[in-house]
């Protein structure tokens, strides 16, 4: 049962990442830059 939660969480996170990349590419950010997590994550420090 615990594995089901981890699998569901992983699939959910994958969907979020795909949506993030699609949004960045839709606003003309190159795919190579969109794949880079440092570029797309806000710095909250």
PDB file of N, CA and C in Angstrom:
ATOM      1  N   UNK A   1       0.825  -1.200   0.000  1.00  0.00           N
ATOM      2  CA  UNK A   1       0.000   0.000   0.000  1.00  0.00           C
ATOM      3  C   UNK A   1       0.868   1.261   0.000  1.00  0.00           C
ATOM      4  N   UNK A   2       1.947   1.240   0.776  1.00  0.00           N
ATOM      5  CA  UNK A   2       2.821   2.414   0.837  1.00  0.00           C
ATOM      6  C   UNK A   2       3.445   2.709  -0.525  1.00  0.00           C
ATOM      7  N   UNK A   3       3.788   1.665  -1.245  1.00  0.00           N
ATOM      8  CA  UNK A   3       4.348   1.838  -2.581  1.00  0.00           C
ATOM      9  C   UNK A   3       3.387   2.532  -3.522  1.00  0.00           C
ATOM     10  N   UNK A   4       2.096   2.305  -3.338  1.00  0.00           N
ATOM     11  CA  UNK A   4       1.092   2.964  -4.174  1.00  0.00           C
ATOM     12  C   UNK A   4       1.150   4.476  -4.002  1.00  0.00           C
ATOM     13  N   UNK A   5       1.339   4.940  -2.777  1.00  0.00           N
ATOM     14  CA  UNK A   5       1.430   6.378  -2.524  1.00  0.00           C
ATOM     15  C   UNK A   5       2.670   6.973  -3.191  1.00  0.00           C
ATOM     16  N   UNK A   6       3.781   6.257  -3.096  1.00  0.00           N
ATOM     17  CA  UNK A   6       5.007   6.739  -3.725  1.00  0.00           C
ATOM     18  C   UNK A   6       4.864   6.759  -5.243  1.00  0.00           C
ATOM     19  N   UNK A   7       4.260   5.739  -5.806  1.00  0.00           N
ATOM     20  CA  UNK A   7       4.054   5.699  -7.258  1.00  0.00           C
ATOM     21  C   UNK A   7       3.139   6.837  -7.705  1.00  0.00           C
ATOM     22  N   UNK A   8       2.077   7.071  -6.968  1.00  0.00           N
ATOM     23  CA  UNK A   8       1.144   8.144  -7.314  1.00  0.00           C
ATOM     24  C   UNK A   8       1.816   9.509  -7.193  1.00  0.00           C
ATOM     25  N   UNK A   9       2.626   9.676  -6.169  1.00  0.00           N
ATOM     26  CA  UNK A   9       3.347  10.936  -5.981  1.00  0.00           C
ATOM     27  C   UNK A   9       4.334  11.164  -7.114  1.00  0.00           C
ATOM     28  N   UNK A  10       5.050  10.120  -7.496  1.00  0.00           N
ATOM     29  CA  UNK A  10       6.017  10.232  -8.580  1.00  0.00           C
ATOM     30  C   UNK A  10       5.329  10.586  -9.895  1.00  0.00           C
ATOM     31  N   UNK A  11       4.196   9.947 -10.177  1.00  0.00           N
ATOM     32  CA  UNK A  11       3.461  10.251 -11.405  1.00  0.00           C
ATOM     33  C   UNK A  11       2.906  11.670 -11.376  1.00  0.00           C
ATOM     34  N   UNK A  12       2.429  12.098 -10.224  1.00  0.00           N
ATOM     35  CA  UNK A  12       1.925  13.467 -10.086  1.00  0.00           C
ATOM     36  C   UNK A  12       3.024  14.487 -10.312  1.00  0.00           C
ATOM     37  N   UNK A  13       4.203  14.250  -9.732  1.00  0.00           N
ATOM     38  CA  UNK A  13       5.326  15.167  -9.900  1.00  0.00           C
ATOM     39  C   UNK A  13       5.788  15.199 -11.354  1.00  0.00           C
ATOM     40  N   UNK A  14       5.764  14.051 -12.009  1.00  0.00           N
ATOM     41  CA  UNK A  14       6.130  13.985 -13.422  1.00  0.00           C
ATOM     42  C   UNK A  14       5.172  14.851 -14.255  1.00  0.00           C
ATOM     43  N   UNK A  15       3.894  14.800 -13.940  1.00  0.00           N
ATOM     44  CA  UNK A  15       2.907  15.608 -14.654  1.00  0.00           C
ATOM     45  C   UNK A  15       3.168  17.100 -14.439  1.00  0.00           C
ATOM     46  N   UNK A  16       3.519  17.480 -13.218  1.00  0.00           N
ATOM     47  CA  UNK A  16       3.825  18.880 -12.918  1.00  0.00           C
ATOM     48  C   UNK A  16       5.050  19.334 -13.713  1.00  0.00           C
ATOM     49  N   UNK A  17       6.079  18.498 -13.751  1.00  0.00           N
ATOM     50  CA  UNK A  17       7.297  18.834 -14.496  1.00  0.00           C
ATOM     51  C   UNK A  17       7.010  18.967 -15.992  1.00  0.00           C
ATOM     52  N   UNK A  18       6.207  18.077 -16.541  1.00  0.00           N
ATOM     53  CA  UNK A  18       5.872  18.160 -17.968  1.00  0.00           C
ATOM     54  C   UNK A  18       5.081  19.430 -18.271  1.00  0.00           C
ATOM     55  N   UNK A  19       4.158  19.789 -17.390  1.00  0.00           N
ATOM     56  CA  UNK A  19       3.385  21.020 -17.587  1.00  0.00           C
ATOM     57  C   UNK A  19       4.288  22.245 -17.502  1.00  0.00           C
ATOM     58  N   UNK A  20       5.243  22.236 -16.571  1.00  0.00           N
ATOM     59  CA  UNK A  20       6.179  23.351 -16.422  1.00  0.00           C
ATOM     60  C   UNK A  20       7.001  23.531 -17.701  1.00  0.00           C
ATOM     61  N   UNK A  21       7.527  22.417 -18.207  1.00  0.00           N
ATOM     62  CA  UNK A  21       8.330  22.483 -19.431  1.00  0.00           C
ATOM     63  C   UNK A  21       7.487  22.958 -20.606  1.00  0.00           C
ATOM     64  N   UNK A  22       6.271  22.456 -20.721  1.00  0.00           N
ATOM     65  CA  UNK A  22       5.389  22.847 -21.825  1.00  0.00           C
ATOM     66  C   UNK A  22       5.065  24.336 -21.757  1.00  0.00           C
ATOM     67  N   UNK A  23       4.829  24.844 -20.565  1.00  0.00           N
ATOM     68  CA  UNK A  23       4.530  26.270 -20.411  1.00  0.00           C
ATOM     69  C   UNK A  23       5.732  27.124 -20.803  1.00  0.00           C
ATOM     70  N   UNK A  24       6.920  26.731 -20.361  1.00  0.00           N
ATOM     71  CA  UNK A  24       8.114  27.499 -20.700  1.00  0.00           C
ATOM     72  C   UNK A  24       8.383  27.481 -22.202  1.00  0.00           C
ATOM     73  N   UNK A  25       8.189  26.340 -22.835  1.00  0.00           N
ATOM     74  CA  UNK A  25       8.386  26.251 -24.287  1.00  0.00           C
ATOM     75  C   UNK A  25       7.309  27.067 -25.009  1.00  0.00           C
ATOM     76  N   UNK A  26       6.090  27.088 -24.476  1.00  0.00           N
ATOM     77  CA  UNK A  26       4.999  27.843 -25.096  1.00  0.00           C
ATOM     78  C   UNK A  26       5.274  29.347 -25.081  1.00  0.00           C
ATOM     79  N   UNK A  27       6.027  29.829 -24.104  1.00  0.00           N
ATOM     80  CA  UNK A  27       6.351  31.259 -24.051  1.00  0.00           C
ATOM     81  C   UNK A  27       7.725  31.532 -24.649  1.00  0.00           C
ATOM     82  N   UNK A  28       8.151  30.652 -25.543  1.00  0.00           N
ATOM     83  CA  UNK A  28       9.363  30.805 -26.355  1.00  0.00           C
ATOM     84  C   UNK A  28      10.678  30.651 -25.596  1.00  0.00           C
ATOM     85  N   UNK A  29      10.666  29.889 -24.511  1.00  0.00           N
ATOM     86  CA  UNK A  29      11.907  29.527 -23.834  1.00  0.00           C
ATOM     87  C   UNK A  29      12.419  28.261 -24.518  1.00  0.00           C
ATOM     88  N   UNK A  30      13.673  28.223 -24.939  1.00  0.00           N
ATOM     89  CA  UNK A  30      14.192  27.018 -25.598  1.00  0.00           C
ATOM     90  C   UNK A  30      14.073  25.786 -24.698  1.00  0.00           C
ATOM     91  N   UNK A  31      13.816  24.643 -25.306  1.00  0.00           N
ATOM     92  CA  UNK A  31      13.631  23.407 -24.553  1.00  0.00           C
ATOM     93  C   UNK A  31      14.839  23.084 -23.692  1.00  0.00           C
ATOM     94  N   UNK A  32      16.032  23.330 -24.188  1.00  0.00           N
ATOM     95  CA  UNK A  32      17.236  23.034 -23.400  1.00  0.00           C
ATOM     96  C   UNK A  32      17.266  23.851 -22.111  1.00  0.00           C
ATOM     97  N   UNK A  33      16.807  25.081 -22.171  1.00  0.00           N
ATOM     98  CA  UNK A  33      16.742  25.908 -20.965  1.00  0.00           C
ATOM     99  C   UNK A  33      15.591  25.474 -20.076  1.00  0.00           C
ATOM    100  N   UNK A  34      14.479  25.069 -20.672  1.00  0.00           N
ATOM    101  CA  UNK A  34      13.310  24.632 -19.907  1.00  0.00           C
ATOM    102  C   UNK A  34      13.603  23.353 -19.138  1.00  0.00           C
ATOM    103  N   UNK A  35      14.480  22.507 -19.662  1.00  0.00           N
ATOM    104  CA  UNK A  35      14.842  21.272 -18.969  1.00  0.00           C
ATOM    105  C   UNK A  35      15.676  21.537 -17.722  1.00  0.00           C
ATOM    106  N   UNK A  36      16.367  22.681 -17.696  1.00  0.00           N
ATOM    107  CA  UNK A  36      17.231  23.024 -16.587  1.00  0.00           C
ATOM    108  C   UNK A  36      16.395  23.512 -15.407  1.00  0.00           C
ATOM    109  N   UNK A  37      16.429  22.795 -14.318  1.00  0.00           N
ATOM    110  CA  UNK A  37      15.613  23.132 -13.156  1.00  0.00           C
ATOM    111  C   UNK A  37      16.043  24.440 -12.519  1.00  0.00           C
ATOM    112  N   UNK A  38      17.324  24.766 -12.552  1.00  0.00           N
ATOM    113  CA  UNK A  38      17.814  26.012 -11.956  1.00  0.00           C
ATOM    114  C   UNK A  38      17.225  27.234 -12.644  1.00  0.00           C
ATOM    115  N   UNK A  39      17.002  27.134 -13.942  1.00  0.00           N
ATOM    116  CA  UNK A  39      16.444  28.267 -14.701  1.00  0.00           C
ATOM    117  C   UNK A  39      15.000  28.548 -14.313  1.00  0.00           C
ATOM    118  N   UNK A  40      14.223  27.518 -14.072  1.00  0.00           N
ATOM    119  CA  UNK A  40      12.782  27.697 -13.911  1.00  0.00           C
ATOM    120  C   UNK A  40      12.301  27.811 -12.473  1.00  0.00           C
ATOM    121  N   UNK A  41      13.156  27.484 -11.510  1.00  0.00           N
ATOM    122  CA  UNK A  41      12.728  27.553 -10.115  1.00  0.00           C
ATOM    123  C   UNK A  41      13.042  28.927  -9.545  1.00  0.00           C
ATOM    124  N   UNK A  42      12.067  29.557  -8.908  1.00  0.00           N
ATOM    125  CA  UNK A  42      12.340  30.879  -8.326  1.00  0.00           C
ATOM    126  C   UNK A  42      13.275  30.755  -7.116  1.00  0.00           C
ATOM    127  N   UNK A  43      14.088  31.741  -6.925  1.00  0.00           N
ATOM    128  CA  UNK A  43      14.999  31.771  -5.788  1.00  0.00           C
ATOM    129  C   UNK A  43      14.309  32.565  -4.676  1.00  0.00           C
ATOM    130  N   UNK A  44      13.925  31.906  -3.619  1.00  0.00           N
ATOM    131  CA  UNK A  44      13.151  32.545  -2.550  1.00  0.00           C
ATOM    132  C   UNK A  44      14.005  32.994  -1.370  1.00  0.00           C
ATOM    133  N   UNK A  45      15.305  33.068  -1.556  1.00  0.00           N
ATOM    134  CA  UNK A  45      16.182  33.485  -0.456  1.00  0.00           C
ATOM    135  C   UNK A  45      16.275  34.975  -0.381  1.00  0.00           C
TER     136      UNK A  45
END
